[in-house]
C-alpha atoms as a PDB file:
ATOM      1  CA  MET A   1     120.578  77.993  80.690  1.00  0.00           C
ATOM      2  CA  ARG A   2     119.155  79.073  84.078  1.00  0.00           C
ATOM      3  CA  ASP A   3     117.954  82.663  84.462  1.00  0.00           C
ATOM      4  CA  THR A   4     117.934  82.706  88.187  1.00  0.00           C
ATOM      5  CA  PRO A   5     120.682  81.428  90.468  1.00  0.00           C
ATOM      6  CA  LYS A   6     120.078  78.130  92.288  1.00  0.00           C
ATOM      7  CA  VAL A   7     119.071  78.605  95.887  1.00  0.00           C
ATOM      8  CA  ASN A   8     120.960  76.420  98.324  1.00  0.00           C
ATOM      9  CA  GLY A   9     120.688  75.770 102.046  1.00  0.00           C
ATOM     10  CA  PRO A  10     117.568  76.311 104.222  1.00  0.00           C
ATOM     11  CA  ALA A  11     116.065  78.856 101.771  1.00  0.00           C
ATOM     12  CA  SER A  12     115.741  76.104  99.229  1.00  0.00           C
ATOM     13  CA  TYR A  13     112.831  74.801 101.286  1.00  0.00           C
ATOM     14  CA  PHE A  14     110.977  78.089 101.251  1.00  0.00           C
ATOM     15  CA  PRO A  15     108.798  77.541  98.146  1.00  0.00           C
ATOM     16  CA  SER A  16     107.681  74.162  99.422  1.00  0.00           C
ATOM     17  CA  ILE A  17     106.919  75.579 102.889  1.00  0.00           C
ATOM     18  CA  GLU A  18     104.765  78.361 101.430  1.00  0.00           C
ATOM     19  CA  LYS A  19     102.900  75.955  99.178  1.00  0.00           C
ATOM     20  CA  THR A  20     102.422  73.219 101.803  1.00  0.00           C
ATOM     21  CA  TYR A  21     101.298  75.487 104.697  1.00  0.00           C
ATOM     22  CA  GLY A  22      99.659  78.409 102.829  1.00  0.00           C
ATOM     23  CA  GLN A  23     101.655  81.098 104.613  1.00  0.00           C
ATOM     24  CA  PRO A  24     104.548  83.158 103.514  1.00  0.00           C
ATOM     25  CA  VAL A  25     107.999  82.441 105.004  1.00  0.00           C
ATOM     26  CA  GLY A  26     107.817  85.812 106.799  1.00  0.00           C
ATOM     27  CA  HIS A  27     104.857  84.475 108.816  1.00  0.00           C
ATOM     28  CA  TRP A  28     106.856  81.573 110.132  1.00  0.00           C
ATOM     29  CA  LEU A  29     109.961  83.668 110.805  1.00  0.00           C
ATOM     30  CA  ALA A  30     107.796  86.220 112.750  1.00  0.00           C
ATOM     31  CA  LEU A  31     106.540  83.367 114.931  1.00  0.00           C
ATOM     32  CA  LEU A  32     110.102  82.372 115.699  1.00  0.00           C
ATOM     33  CA  VAL A  33     111.022  86.015 116.552  1.00  0.00           C
ATOM     34  CA  ALA A  34     107.993  86.130 118.906  1.00  0.00           C
ATOM     35  CA  GLN A  35     109.391  83.112 120.788  1.00  0.00           C
ATOM     36  CA  GLY A  36     112.056  85.401 122.081  1.00  0.00           C
ATOM     37  CA  GLY A  37     114.953  82.988 121.691  1.00  0.00           C
ATOM     38  CA  GLY A  38     115.484  79.360 122.310  1.00  0.00           C
ATOM     39  CA  ARG A  39     117.677  76.586 121.262  1.00  0.00           C
ATOM     40  CA  HIS A  40     117.521  75.099 117.731  1.00  0.00           C
ATOM     41  CA  MET A  41     115.598  71.945 118.569  1.00  0.00           C
ATOM     42  CA  GLU A  42     113.276  73.797 120.988  1.00  0.00           C
ATOM     43  CA  LEU A  43     112.185  76.078 118.193  1.00  0.00           C
ATOM     44  CA  VAL A  44     111.900  73.159 115.731  1.00  0.00           C
ATOM     45  CA  ALA A  45     109.667  71.397 118.262  1.00  0.00           C
ATOM     46  CA  PHE A  46     107.525  74.554 118.679  1.00  0.00           C
ATOM     47  CA  LEU A  47     106.789  74.728 114.895  1.00  0.00           C
ATOM     48  CA  LYS A  48     106.072  71.045 114.781  1.00  0.00           C
ATOM     49  CA  THR A  49     103.767  70.736 117.756  1.00  0.00           C
ATOM     50  CA  GLU A  50     102.071  74.066 117.750  1.00  0.00           C
ATOM     51  CA  HIS A  51     101.775  74.598 113.976  1.00  0.00           C
ATOM     52  CA  GLY A  52     102.023  71.200 112.419  1.00  0.00           C
ATOM     53  CA  LEU A  53     105.142  71.663 110.304  1.00  0.00           C
ATOM     54  CA  GLY A  54     107.132  68.700 109.244  1.00  0.00           C
ATOM     55  CA  HIS A  55     110.604  68.264 110.691  1.00  0.00           C
ATOM     56  CA  GLY A  56     112.562  69.256 107.509  1.00  0.00           C
ATOM     57  CA  HIS A  57     110.542  72.398 107.005  1.00  0.00           C
ATOM     58  CA  ALA A  58     110.692  73.417 110.663  1.00  0.00           C
ATOM     59  CA  ASN A  59     114.445  72.742 110.701  1.00  0.00           C
ATOM     60  CA  ALA A  60     115.014  74.879 107.608  1.00  0.00           C
ATOM     61  CA  LEU A  61     113.109  77.777 109.015  1.00  0.00           C
ATOM     62  CA  VAL A  62     114.830  77.677 112.371  1.00  0.00           C
ATOM     63  CA  ALA A  63     118.252  77.350 110.745  1.00  0.00           C
ATOM     64  CA  HIS A  64     117.578  80.393 108.628  1.00  0.00           C
ATOM     65  CA  HIS A  65     116.186  82.310 111.560  1.00  0.00           C
ATOM     66  CA  LEU A  66     119.195  81.590 113.748  1.00  0.00           C
ATOM     67  CA  LYS A  67     121.725  82.251 111.014  1.00  0.00           C
ATOM     68  CA  SER A  68     120.194  85.662 110.290  1.00  0.00           C
ATOM     69  CA  GLY A  69     120.502  86.608 113.910  1.00  0.00           C
END
């Protein structure tokens, strides 16, 4: 039996993002906030080109960021 509920959606990528890139998710979300807006794919491209994130990881962070407003 599982003690913690299963995480679904973009947040399911967060442990892998932290492990792969060595920064907490809050770091990446703060970078997105500092961008001051933008469309989904513009923000994904920013994380990929400026910070070297893979597409899936960047997409998950941007989806979470935009959903949380």
